[in-house]
Amino acid sequence: MNINYHSAASRLLQVAKQTVVMLLAMACITGCKRNNILPDDEGNLPEEPTETEAYPGVPKSTIYEVTIIRENEQQKMTVFQNSCPEFSLGYMDMQENDRFPLDIFAGRSINWTQFSFSGSVTVEVKVVDPQKVPVGETISVWPSRHRVSATVEGNTVRFTLTKPGQYSVEIGENGYKNGLVIFADPPETDPPGSNPEGYALLDQATAAQVNAVPASYSGVYFRKGVHDIGVYRVPPHIKNIYFEAGSWVYGALIMDGNPNVKIFGRGVLSSGRLKYRESHCIEAINQSNNIHIDGIVVADPKYFAVRLIGQNNTVKWTKVVGGWVYNCDGIAAYAGSTVSDCFIWANDDAIKVYRNNITWSDCVVWQLNNGGVIQMAWGGSNATNVHIRGVDVLRAEWNKPGFNRALLSCVGNRYQEPGKSGSQQDWVIEDVTTETPIPIVFNVVPDPFSPNTIHGLNLKNWDVKMPMDTEYRNTIVGNDPDEPFDGFVFDNFQFNGTKLTPANWLEVTDLEVDNLITPEFK
């Protein structure tokens, strides 16, 4: 009797388990259909990644651990690590010219983490490899204008942030060689929600999947986890590309004749698996106007990071980090565009301003050994009514003088292309700070091949530092003898702690000038 009872009970339990499994499977299929999740190349629905499998294959920091504390609740963050690659000719299309920067930065890394907050948050940074980053008494959190102070206990650094921003944690004199950057974003204002209408929800997407999104969708939604989409040429029907917090998307985004595209969220777009110079990370060409980029990290560039050649673009809270070779320019957004609250790590020109009615504000720059921090002109660049406010230069690591290396650079028609000329008029560049001394401030020397004029350049509230015992020389030279540079204003311009005046400006800056009308000083 007992045997029969247990046998019947066992059979009932087995049926119950099968019923539960079937119901769960049906719920999953229904939920997946409801959320528009696309199957993989074999027709299988993706599995949800567990927390322990977050970011599989993505390099994590071996040097830092970061924990954030809000309202007595602790959250350990994922800290990513981008290490300078070893030079290997031909590997992923490396060229001989890549040898020079990769040799210069050999053994270095940049580490970073990202989170969103409002109010205040305490950040706790633990150095787990003190041989690479010894923790001493010299600790800074930059930009200094935020006035963030840190405390140290053993190998742990703590500080409190009260406003969103892009922060560099500077530990010791050489800690920057394996630096840590904190991307502390504001909360999202317009996330599409977990079940947005018109979006194809993607899990662990491949190039084939993202290219197969039907024309009935107007958006793609990269869910948390790792995707690998290659160079995605965004089709005309896609107008929204959302990166959920926790998403890591290997690939690039190209808008060609596709205006009004919004790229946003709190995820990462990485070129780490692309070949060198295979694609710009984000590019908009051929009347791809009104591109909106908000909140994402553009990681591991192997070419230009953000190149928006159309008009009336908006770029905000966008972070560029981890490019090591030349041609890793920062951000360009053409006529009528606005760029704000961005971080730019660049090994070519960082801030590119080549057209009319452009506004930049509150950007942090880490310049490697190539390019200008603010590049005024290249080729036939004509820009009127430009306003740049709030540029914090963490470092400029130029290793020798070059035609495009300076905080303020104007190259002009360097490659001497026929029929091109340049003009910059009515510019204001204000609130510029160098956190460390940089090799050179001015290299405004447009190529003499074709005229490049400047009329009206107001440099207001600068506080810059430069060592004066090197081979670098500040230079401002107009290249058209019939039309000298004029309208220059130095308004509260501090150079190595001295305010520039009519009596001292040439001596203090050791500035070489020619074809320049004497500036005004305030």
Protein backbone atom coordinates (compact mmCIF):
# COMPACT_ATOMS: atom_id res chain seq x y z
CA MET A 1 0.00 0.00 0.00
CA ASN A 2 2.72 2.40 0.91
CA ILE A 3 4.59 1.46 -2.27
CA ASN A 4 1.54 2.17 -4.41
CA TYR A 5 0.97 5.47 -2.64
CA HIS A 6 4.52 6.63 -3.14
CA SER A 7 4.42 5.52 -6.77
CA ALA A 8 1.22 7.49 -7.41
CA ALA A 9 2.61 10.49 -5.60
CA SER A 10 5.79 10.28 -7.65
CA ARG A 11 3.78 10.16 -10.87
CA LEU A 12 1.71 13.16 -9.77
CA LEU A 13 4.85 15.10 -8.85
CA GLN A 14 6.39 14.31 -12.25
CA VAL A 15 3.26 15.52 -14.06
CA ALA A 16 3.23 18.68 -11.97
CA LYS A 17 6.88 19.38 -12.81
CA GLN A 18 6.25 18.87 -16.51
CA THR A 19 3.25 21.22 -16.33
CA VAL A 20 5.31 23.93 -14.61
CA VAL A 21 8.10 23.58 -17.17
CA MET A 22 5.59 23.84 -20.02
CA LEU A 23 3.94 26.92 -18.52
CA LEU A 24 7.30 28.58 -17.97
CA ALA A 25 8.33 27.83 -21.55
CA MET A 26 5.06 29.24 -22.88
CA ALA A 27 5.47 32.33 -20.72
CA CYS A 28 9.00 32.80 -21.98
CA ILE A 29 7.96 32.47 -25.61
CA THR A 30 5.02 34.81 -25.07
CA GLY A 31 7.20 37.32 -23.26
CA CYS A 32 9.91 37.11 -25.88
CA LYS A 33 7.39 37.69 -28.67
CA ARG A 34 5.85 40.52 -26.73
CA ASN A 35 9.26 42.18 -26.30
CA ASN A 36 10.25 41.67 -29.95
CA ILE A 37 13.43 39.79 -29.08
CA LEU A 38 14.94 38.41 -32.27
CA PRO A 39 16.20 34.80 -32.43
CA ASP A 40 19.83 34.00 -33.13
CA ASP A 41 21.15 32.80 -36.49
CA GLU A 42 19.96 29.25 -35.70
CA GLY A 43 16.46 30.39 -34.77
CA ASN A 44 17.00 29.95 -31.00
CA LEU A 45 15.93 32.53 -28.46
CA PRO A 46 18.85 33.85 -26.34
CA GLU A 47 19.34 32.97 -22.72
CA GLU A 48 19.34 35.67 -20.08
CA PRO A 49 22.90 36.22 -18.84
CA THR A 50 23.51 35.82 -15.13
CA GLU A 51 25.29 38.44 -13.06
CA THR A 52 28.45 36.33 -12.93
CA GLU A 53 28.51 36.23 -16.73
CA ALA A 54 28.21 39.98 -17.17
CA TYR A 55 30.40 41.31 -20.00
CA PRO A 56 31.89 37.91 -21.02
CA GLY A 57 35.13 38.39 -22.92
CA VAL A 58 35.35 42.12 -22.20
CA PRO A 59 38.66 43.06 -20.50
CA LYS A 60 38.19 44.00 -16.83
CA SER A 61 40.58 45.95 -14.68
CA THR A 62 43.29 44.07 -12.82
CA ILE A 63 44.32 47.24 -11.01
CA TYR A 64 41.20 48.83 -9.50
CA GLU A 65 38.00 47.91 -7.76
CA VAL A 66 35.30 50.58 -7.50
CA THR A 67 32.32 50.58 -5.15
CA ILE A 68 29.71 53.31 -4.96
CA ILE A 69 27.73 54.02 -1.81
CA ARG A 70 24.31 55.66 -1.89
CA GLU A 71 22.05 55.93 1.14
CA ASN A 72 24.12 53.29 2.95
CA GLU A 73 23.72 50.84 0.08
CA GLN A 74 26.90 49.61 -1.61
CA GLN A 75 27.20 48.60 -5.25
CA LYS A 76 30.36 47.13 -6.74
CA MET A 77 30.92 48.45 -10.23
CA THR A 78 32.46 46.72 -13.23
CA VAL A 79 35.77 48.43 -14.00
CA PHE A 80 36.93 48.01 -17.59
CA GLN A 81 40.53 48.06 -18.74
CA ASN A 82 41.96 49.08 -22.08
CA SER A 83 45.65 48.22 -22.34
CA CYS A 84 47.98 49.64 -24.95
CA PRO A 85 48.42 46.82 -27.51
CA GLU A 86 51.80 45.53 -28.57
CA PHE A 87 52.82 46.52 -32.06
CA SER A 88 52.56 43.69 -34.56
CA LEU A 89 52.75 44.70 -38.21
CA GLY A 90 49.70 43.46 -40.10
CA TYR A 91 47.78 42.31 -37.04
CA MET A 92 44.23 43.65 -37.49
CA ASP A 93 45.74 45.79 -40.26
CA MET A 94 48.31 47.53 -38.06
CA GLN A 95 50.58 49.76 -40.12
CA GLU A 96 54.22 50.68 -39.66
CA ASN A 97 53.16 54.16 -38.50
CA ASP A 98 51.36 52.56 -35.55
CA ARG A 99 54.69 51.43 -34.13
CA PHE A 100 55.58 54.90 -32.81
CA PRO A 101 52.65 55.59 -30.47
CA LEU A 102 52.42 51.96 -29.36
CA ASP A 103 56.09 51.99 -28.40
CA ILE A 104 55.63 55.29 -26.55
CA PHE A 105 52.69 54.00 -24.50
CA ALA A 106 53.83 50.39 -24.13
CA GLY A 107 52.79 48.88 -20.81
CA ARG A 108 50.14 51.49 -20.12
CA SER A 109 46.41 51.14 -19.61
CA ILE A 110 43.34 53.24 -19.04
CA ASN A 111 40.70 51.90 -16.66
CA TRP A 112 37.18 53.22 -16.35
CA THR A 113 33.72 52.68 -14.95
CA GLN A 114 30.33 54.26 -15.54
CA PHE A 115 27.21 54.85 -13.45
CA SER A 116 24.32 57.31 -13.17
CA PHE A 117 23.29 59.21 -10.05
CA SER A 118 21.58 62.26 -8.63
CA GLY A 119 22.13 63.98 -5.31
CA SER A 120 25.42 62.66 -3.97
CA VAL A 121 27.38 59.43 -4.12
CA THR A 122 30.47 58.23 -2.30
CA VAL A 123 33.04 56.49 -4.48
CA GLU A 124 35.46 53.99 -2.98
CA VAL A 125 38.46 53.05 -5.12
CA LYS A 126 40.61 50.13 -4.04
CA VAL A 127 43.98 49.65 -5.71
CA VAL A 128 44.44 45.88 -6.01
CA ASP A 129 47.79 46.10 -7.82
CA PRO A 130 49.87 48.60 -5.82
CA GLN A 131 53.00 47.64 -7.76
CA LYS A 132 51.50 49.30 -10.84
CA VAL A 133 49.84 52.13 -8.92
CA PRO A 134 51.47 52.73 -5.53
CA VAL A 135 49.13 54.55 -3.17
CA GLY A 136 50.86 57.46 -1.49
CA GLU A 137 49.78 60.76 -0.06
CA THR A 138 49.35 62.53 -3.41
CA ILE A 139 45.76 61.96 -4.49
CA SER A 140 43.68 64.24 -6.72
CA VAL A 141 40.29 63.98 -8.36
CA TRP A 142 40.13 66.13 -11.49
CA PRO A 143 38.80 68.41 -12.93
CA SER A 144 39.89 70.58 -10.05
CA ARG A 145 37.02 73.02 -10.65
CA HIS A 146 34.69 70.48 -9.02
CA ARG A 147 36.72 70.77 -5.79
CA VAL A 148 36.51 67.08 -4.95
CA SER A 149 38.75 66.07 -2.05
CA ALA A 150 39.80 62.49 -1.35
CA THR A 151 40.84 60.55 1.72
CA VAL A 152 43.20 57.58 1.81
CA GLU A 153 43.20 54.55 4.07
CA GLY A 154 45.69 51.88 3.12
CA ASN A 155 45.13 51.12 -0.57
CA THR A 156 41.63 52.60 -0.60
CA VAL A 157 40.73 56.08 -1.81
CA ARG A 158 37.33 57.61 -0.98
CA PHE A 159 35.61 60.74 -2.19
CA THR A 160 32.11 62.12 -2.61
CA LEU A 161 30.59 63.46 -5.81
CA THR A 162 27.73 65.93 -5.65
CA LYS A 163 27.27 66.53 -9.35
CA PRO A 164 27.56 64.41 -12.48
CA GLY A 165 30.75 64.75 -14.51
CA GLN A 166 33.81 63.04 -15.97
CA TYR A 167 36.40 62.51 -13.22
CA SER A 168 40.00 61.33 -13.33
CA VAL A 169 41.37 59.73 -10.15
CA GLU A 170 45.03 60.72 -9.95
CA ILE A 171 47.02 58.48 -7.59
CA GLY A 172 50.66 59.43 -7.24
CA GLU A 173 52.95 61.03 -9.76
CA ASN A 174 52.82 58.22 -12.31
CA GLY A 175 49.46 56.64 -11.53
CA TYR A 176 48.05 58.15 -14.71
CA LYS A 177 50.04 55.60 -16.71
CA ASN A 178 47.45 53.11 -15.51
CA GLY A 179 44.81 55.72 -14.90
CA LEU A 180 41.24 55.46 -13.67
CA VAL A 181 38.38 57.55 -15.04
CA ILE A 182 34.94 57.73 -13.43
CA PHE A 183 32.07 58.50 -15.80
CA ALA A 184 29.37 59.73 -13.42
CA ASP A 185 26.32 60.43 -15.55
CA PRO A 186 23.04 62.10 -14.68
CA PRO A 187 19.99 59.83 -14.64
CA GLU A 188 18.44 59.11 -18.01
CA THR A 189 15.58 61.41 -18.92
CA ASP A 190 13.96 59.53 -21.78
CA PRO A 191 14.67 55.79 -21.69
CA PRO A 192 12.29 53.86 -23.94
CA GLY A 193 11.16 51.48 -21.18
CA SER A 194 11.36 47.70 -21.02
CA ASN A 195 8.78 47.04 -23.74
CA PRO A 196 9.00 49.99 -26.13
CA GLU A 197 6.77 50.14 -29.14
CA GLY A 198 8.59 50.12 -32.45
CA TYR A 199 11.88 48.73 -31.08
CA ALA A 200 13.46 45.39 -31.94
CA LEU A 201 14.91 44.13 -28.66
CA LEU A 202 18.28 42.47 -29.18
CA ASP A 203 20.15 40.03 -26.96
CA GLN A 204 23.73 39.08 -27.82
CA ALA A 205 23.11 40.40 -31.31
CA THR A 206 25.23 39.52 -34.31
CA ALA A 207 25.77 41.47 -37.51
CA ALA A 208 23.31 39.22 -39.30
CA GLN A 209 20.62 39.84 -36.69
CA VAL A 210 20.92 43.61 -36.55
CA ASN A 211 20.93 43.81 -40.34
CA ALA A 212 17.82 41.64 -40.47
CA VAL A 213 15.66 43.94 -38.33
CA PRO A 214 12.46 44.34 -40.39
CA ALA A 215 11.44 47.70 -41.83
CA SER A 216 8.40 47.65 -39.54
CA TYR A 217 10.70 48.68 -36.66
CA SER A 218 11.97 52.23 -36.19
CA GLY A 219 14.43 51.42 -33.42
CA VAL A 220 16.86 48.84 -32.11
CA TYR A 221 17.36 48.21 -28.41
CA PHE A 222 20.62 46.59 -27.27
CA ARG A 223 19.82 44.85 -24.01
CA LYS A 224 22.43 44.32 -21.30
CA GLY A 225 25.08 41.83 -22.32
CA VAL A 226 27.67 41.60 -25.08
CA HIS A 227 26.80 42.09 -28.77
CA ASP A 228 29.01 41.95 -31.84
CA ILE A 229 27.45 43.72 -34.83
CA GLY A 230 30.44 44.73 -36.98
CA VAL A 231 30.08 47.92 -38.99
CA TYR A 232 26.35 48.61 -38.90
CA ARG A 233 25.17 50.85 -41.71
CA VAL A 234 22.01 52.13 -40.14
CA PRO A 235 19.10 51.71 -42.58
CA PRO A 236 16.72 54.62 -43.22
CA HIS A 237 13.88 53.10 -41.19
CA ILE A 238 15.96 53.00 -37.99
CA LYS A 239 15.78 56.32 -36.12
CA ASN A 240 16.47 55.23 -32.55
CA ILE A 241 19.40 53.16 -31.29
CA TYR A 242 19.26 52.51 -27.57
CA PHE A 243 22.07 51.10 -25.40
CA GLU A 244 20.63 49.72 -22.18
CA ALA A 245 22.81 50.15 -19.09
CA GLY A 246 24.97 47.04 -18.97
CA SER A 247 25.15 46.60 -22.74
CA TRP A 248 28.49 46.29 -24.53
CA VAL A 249 28.24 46.47 -28.31
CA TYR A 250 31.27 45.65 -30.42
CA GLY A 251 31.06 47.47 -33.74
CA ALA A 252 30.46 50.85 -35.36
CA LEU A 253 27.44 52.91 -36.45
CA ILE A 254 27.34 54.61 -39.85
CA MET A 255 24.56 56.95 -40.98
CA ASP A 256 24.81 57.59 -44.73
CA GLY A 257 21.99 59.76 -46.04
CA ASN A 258 20.04 58.96 -42.88
CA PRO A 259 19.13 62.05 -40.81
CA ASN A 260 17.33 62.36 -37.46
CA VAL A 261 18.90 59.34 -35.78
CA LYS A 262 19.09 59.23 -31.98
CA ILE A 263 21.83 57.14 -30.33
CA PHE A 264 21.40 57.08 -26.57
CA GLY A 265 21.45 55.18 -23.30
CA ARG A 266 24.10 54.16 -20.79
CA GLY A 267 25.84 51.35 -22.64
CA VAL A 268 29.09 51.00 -24.56
CA LEU A 269 29.98 50.99 -28.26
CA SER A 270 33.43 49.46 -28.68
CA SER A 271 35.68 49.19 -31.74
CA GLY A 272 37.82 46.63 -29.95
CA ARG A 273 37.08 43.88 -32.48
CA LEU A 274 37.36 46.04 -35.60
CA LYS A 275 40.54 46.32 -37.63
CA TYR A 276 42.63 49.46 -37.37
CA ARG A 277 41.02 52.23 -39.41
CA GLU A 278 38.28 49.87 -40.57
CA SER A 279 35.60 52.36 -39.59
CA HIS A 280 34.98 55.49 -37.61
CA CYS A 281 33.12 54.55 -34.44
CA ILE A 282 30.12 56.78 -35.16
CA GLU A 283 29.89 58.56 -38.50
CA ALA A 284 27.16 60.61 -40.18
CA ILE A 285 27.67 61.67 -43.81
CA ASN A 286 25.75 62.75 -46.93
CA GLN A 287 23.11 64.97 -45.34
CA SER A 288 22.75 62.85 -42.23
CA ASN A 289 21.71 65.91 -40.23
CA ASN A 290 20.18 66.19 -36.76
CA ILE A 291 22.07 63.28 -35.23
CA HIS A 292 21.61 63.08 -31.45
CA ILE A 293 24.13 61.19 -29.27
CA ASP A 294 23.52 61.05 -25.53
CA GLY A 295 25.08 59.16 -22.66
CA ILE A 296 27.01 56.30 -24.24
CA VAL A 297 30.68 55.38 -23.99
CA VAL A 298 32.62 55.13 -27.25
CA ALA A 299 35.42 52.76 -26.30
CA ASP A 300 38.58 51.42 -27.91
CA PRO A 301 38.62 53.62 -31.05
CA LYS A 302 40.89 52.53 -33.87
CA TYR A 303 39.92 55.49 -36.03
CA PHE A 304 37.88 58.68 -35.59
CA ALA A 305 35.51 58.37 -32.62
CA VAL A 306 32.55 60.65 -33.48
CA ARG A 307 32.45 62.20 -36.95
CA LEU A 308 29.21 64.06 -37.70
CA ILE A 309 29.57 65.86 -41.03
CA GLY A 310 25.93 66.92 -41.24
CA GLN A 311 24.30 69.94 -39.60
CA ASN A 312 22.46 70.64 -36.35
CA ASN A 313 23.74 67.71 -34.31
CA THR A 314 23.70 67.26 -30.55
CA VAL A 315 26.36 65.33 -28.62
CA LYS A 316 26.14 65.23 -24.84
CA TRP A 317 27.40 63.08 -22.00
CA THR A 318 29.38 61.06 -24.53
CA LYS A 319 32.65 59.52 -23.42
CA VAL A 320 35.52 58.60 -25.77
CA VAL A 321 38.21 56.40 -24.21
CA GLY A 322 40.93 53.95 -25.12
CA GLY A 323 42.36 54.81 -28.55
CA TRP A 324 46.16 54.53 -28.77
CA VAL A 325 47.26 54.96 -32.40
CA TYR A 326 47.23 58.04 -34.62
CA ASN A 327 43.99 58.95 -36.42
CA CYS A 328 42.06 58.41 -33.19
CA ASP A 329 40.40 61.84 -33.35
CA GLY A 330 37.81 62.86 -30.80
CA ILE A 331 34.56 64.58 -31.75
CA ALA A 332 33.54 66.65 -34.78
CA ALA A 333 30.02 68.01 -35.18
CA TYR A 334 29.45 70.40 -38.05
CA ALA A 335 27.41 73.58 -38.57
CA GLY A 336 24.77 74.41 -36.00
CA SER A 337 25.82 71.66 -33.61
CA THR A 338 26.12 71.55 -29.82
CA VAL A 339 28.57 69.40 -27.86
CA SER A 340 28.41 69.33 -24.06
CA ASP A 341 29.55 67.40 -20.98
CA CYS A 342 31.81 65.02 -22.90
CA PHE A 343 35.07 63.23 -22.15
CA ILE A 344 37.61 62.90 -24.95
CA TRP A 345 40.69 60.68 -24.90
CA ALA A 346 42.35 61.27 -28.27
CA ASN A 347 45.53 60.56 -30.18
CA ASP A 348 44.70 63.07 -32.87
CA ASP A 349 42.67 66.28 -32.81
CA ALA A 350 40.23 66.16 -29.89
CA ILE A 351 37.85 69.11 -30.39
CA LYS A 352 37.35 69.80 -34.09
CA VAL A 353 35.54 73.01 -35.00
CA TYR A 354 35.31 73.53 -38.74
CA ARG A 355 31.92 75.12 -39.47
CA ASN A 356 29.60 77.96 -38.40
CA ASN A 357 27.45 78.36 -35.29
CA ILE A 358 28.98 75.62 -33.16
CA THR A 359 28.85 75.52 -29.35
CA TRP A 360 30.98 73.38 -27.05
CA SER A 361 30.71 73.36 -23.25
CA ASP A 362 32.04 71.53 -20.21
CA CYS A 363 34.34 68.95 -21.80
CA VAL A 364 37.31 67.09 -20.33
CA VAL A 365 40.23 66.17 -22.60
CA TRP A 366 43.10 63.72 -22.20
CA GLN A 367 45.41 64.24 -25.17
CA LEU A 368 48.04 61.67 -26.10
CA ASN A 369 51.10 62.44 -28.25
CA ASN A 370 49.42 63.61 -31.45
CA GLY A 371 46.88 66.25 -32.49
CA GLY A 372 45.57 69.48 -31.08
CA VAL A 373 43.23 69.83 -28.13
CA ILE A 374 41.22 72.51 -29.98
CA GLN A 375 41.76 72.27 -33.73
CA MET A 376 40.52 75.40 -35.52
CA ALA A 377 41.14 74.49 -39.15
CA TRP A 378 42.16 71.68 -41.43
CA GLY A 379 41.84 72.03 -45.20
CA GLY A 380 39.11 74.47 -46.20
CA SER A 381 37.65 75.14 -42.77
CA ASN A 382 35.38 78.16 -42.47
CA ALA A 383 33.80 78.80 -39.09
CA THR A 384 31.99 81.89 -37.84
CA ASN A 385 30.24 82.36 -34.50
CA VAL A 386 31.91 79.65 -32.44
CA HIS A 387 31.63 79.47 -28.65
CA ILE A 388 33.72 77.03 -26.61
CA ARG A 389 33.26 77.21 -22.84
CA GLY A 390 34.73 75.01 -20.14
CA VAL A 391 37.60 72.83 -21.35
CA ASP A 392 39.59 70.94 -18.71
CA VAL A 393 42.79 69.47 -20.11
CA LEU A 394 43.98 66.64 -17.86
CA ARG A 395 47.12 66.02 -19.88
CA ALA A 396 48.70 66.65 -23.24
CA GLU A 397 51.41 64.05 -23.78
CA TRP A 398 53.12 65.43 -26.89
CA ASN A 399 56.64 64.02 -27.09
CA LYS A 400 58.04 66.44 -29.68
CA PRO A 401 56.93 69.56 -31.57
CA GLY A 402 54.62 68.98 -34.52
CA PHE A 403 52.54 71.00 -36.94
CA ASN A 404 49.25 70.02 -35.24
CA ARG A 405 50.29 69.83 -31.59
CA ALA A 406 49.08 72.50 -29.17
CA LEU A 407 46.22 73.38 -26.91
CA LEU A 408 45.04 75.82 -29.60
CA SER A 409 46.04 74.71 -33.09
CA CYS A 410 45.27 76.04 -36.55
CA VAL A 411 46.73 73.81 -39.27
CA GLY A 412 45.01 75.25 -42.32
CA ASN A 413 45.46 73.64 -45.73
CA ARG A 414 48.20 71.26 -44.62
CA TYR A 415 47.96 68.94 -47.61
CA GLN A 416 47.85 71.88 -50.00
CA GLU A 417 44.67 70.98 -51.81
CA PRO A 418 43.93 73.39 -54.69
CA GLY A 419 40.97 75.71 -54.37
CA LYS A 420 40.71 75.58 -50.57
CA SER A 421 41.02 78.47 -48.14
CA GLY A 422 40.00 78.98 -44.53
CA SER A 423 38.51 81.62 -42.27
CA GLN A 424 37.68 81.81 -38.57
CA GLN A 425 35.63 84.75 -37.35
CA ASP A 426 33.97 85.76 -34.07
CA TRP A 427 35.19 83.02 -31.77
CA VAL A 428 34.99 82.96 -27.97
CA ILE A 429 36.97 80.33 -26.07
CA GLU A 430 36.59 80.69 -22.31
CA ASP A 431 37.17 78.89 -19.03
CA VAL A 432 40.10 76.75 -20.16
CA THR A 433 42.26 75.00 -17.56
CA THR A 434 45.28 72.72 -17.76
CA GLU A 435 45.50 70.39 -14.77
CA THR A 436 49.13 69.59 -15.54
CA PRO A 437 51.71 71.66 -17.43
CA ILE A 438 51.45 70.94 -21.14
CA PRO A 439 54.27 71.28 -23.68
CA ILE A 440 52.73 74.02 -25.83
CA VAL A 441 49.69 76.33 -25.73
CA PHE A 442 49.66 78.12 -29.11
CA ASN A 443 50.43 76.68 -32.53
CA VAL A 444 48.27 78.93 -34.71
CA VAL A 445 50.28 78.68 -37.92
CA PRO A 446 48.09 77.83 -40.92
CA ASP A 447 49.94 76.34 -43.86
CA PRO A 448 51.12 79.08 -46.28
CA PHE A 449 49.80 77.25 -49.36
CA SER A 450 46.41 78.99 -49.22
CA PRO A 451 44.99 81.90 -47.20
CA ASN A 452 43.54 81.22 -43.77
CA THR A 453 42.37 84.29 -41.88
CA ILE A 454 41.26 84.90 -38.29
CA HIS A 455 39.12 87.92 -37.37
CA GLY A 456 37.93 87.97 -33.79
CA LEU A 457 39.30 85.49 -31.23
CA ASN A 458 38.41 86.16 -27.58
CA LEU A 459 40.35 84.02 -25.11
CA LYS A 460 38.66 84.57 -21.76
CA ASN A 461 39.40 83.15 -18.30
CA TRP A 462 42.24 80.83 -19.27
CA ASP A 463 44.48 79.31 -16.60
CA VAL A 464 47.21 77.36 -18.38
CA LYS A 465 50.62 76.05 -17.43
CA MET A 466 53.57 75.31 -19.71
CA PRO A 467 57.25 74.55 -18.99
CA MET A 468 59.40 77.21 -20.61
CA ASP A 469 62.72 75.34 -20.86
CA THR A 470 61.88 72.97 -23.72
CA GLU A 471 62.16 72.94 -27.50
CA TYR A 472 58.51 73.93 -27.93
CA ARG A 473 57.71 77.49 -28.95
CA ASN A 474 54.35 79.24 -28.79
CA THR A 475 53.55 80.70 -32.20
CA ILE A 476 50.78 82.79 -33.78
CA VAL A 477 51.52 83.64 -37.42
CA GLY A 478 49.04 84.89 -40.00
CA ASN A 479 49.74 83.34 -43.39
CA ASP A 480 48.17 86.03 -45.61
CA PRO A 481 50.32 89.21 -45.64
CA ASP A 482 47.41 91.16 -47.12
CA GLU A 483 45.01 90.20 -44.32
CA PRO A 484 46.59 89.97 -40.86
CA PHE A 485 44.99 88.25 -37.91
CA ASP A 486 43.02 90.77 -35.88
CA GLY A 487 40.45 91.06 -33.13
CA PHE A 488 42.42 88.95 -30.64
CA VAL A 489 41.45 89.53 -27.00
CA PHE A 490 43.22 88.15 -23.92
CA ASP A 491 40.63 88.57 -21.16
CA ASN A 492 41.87 87.45 -17.74
CA PHE A 493 44.35 85.11 -19.36
CA GLN A 494 46.62 83.48 -16.76
CA PHE A 495 49.82 81.92 -18.11
CA ASN A 496 51.97 80.09 -15.54
CA GLY A 497 50.21 82.08 -12.86
CA THR A 498 50.78 85.49 -14.46
CA LYS A 499 48.02 87.55 -16.01
CA LEU A 500 48.88 88.66 -19.53
CA THR A 501 49.09 92.42 -20.12
CA PRO A 502 50.22 94.65 -23.00
CA ALA A 503 53.57 94.99 -21.24
CA ASN A 504 54.36 91.32 -20.57
CA TRP A 505 52.47 89.05 -22.96
CA LEU A 506 55.28 88.34 -25.39
CA GLU A 507 57.87 87.80 -22.69
CA VAL A 508 55.70 85.65 -20.40
CA THR A 509 54.53 83.35 -23.17
CA ASP A 510 57.76 83.47 -25.21
CA LEU A 511 55.40 83.92 -28.12
CA GLU A 512 56.57 84.24 -31.71
CA VAL A 513 54.14 86.40 -33.69
CA ASP A 514 53.89 87.69 -37.22
CA ASN A 515 51.13 89.31 -39.24
CA LEU A 516 49.07 89.77 -36.07
CA ILE A 517 47.45 93.04 -35.02
CA THR A 518 48.35 93.73 -31.39
CA PRO A 519 45.72 92.07 -29.17
CA GLU A 520 43.46 93.76 -26.64
CA PHE A 521 43.96 92.89 -22.97
CA LYS A 522 41.37 92.87 -20.21
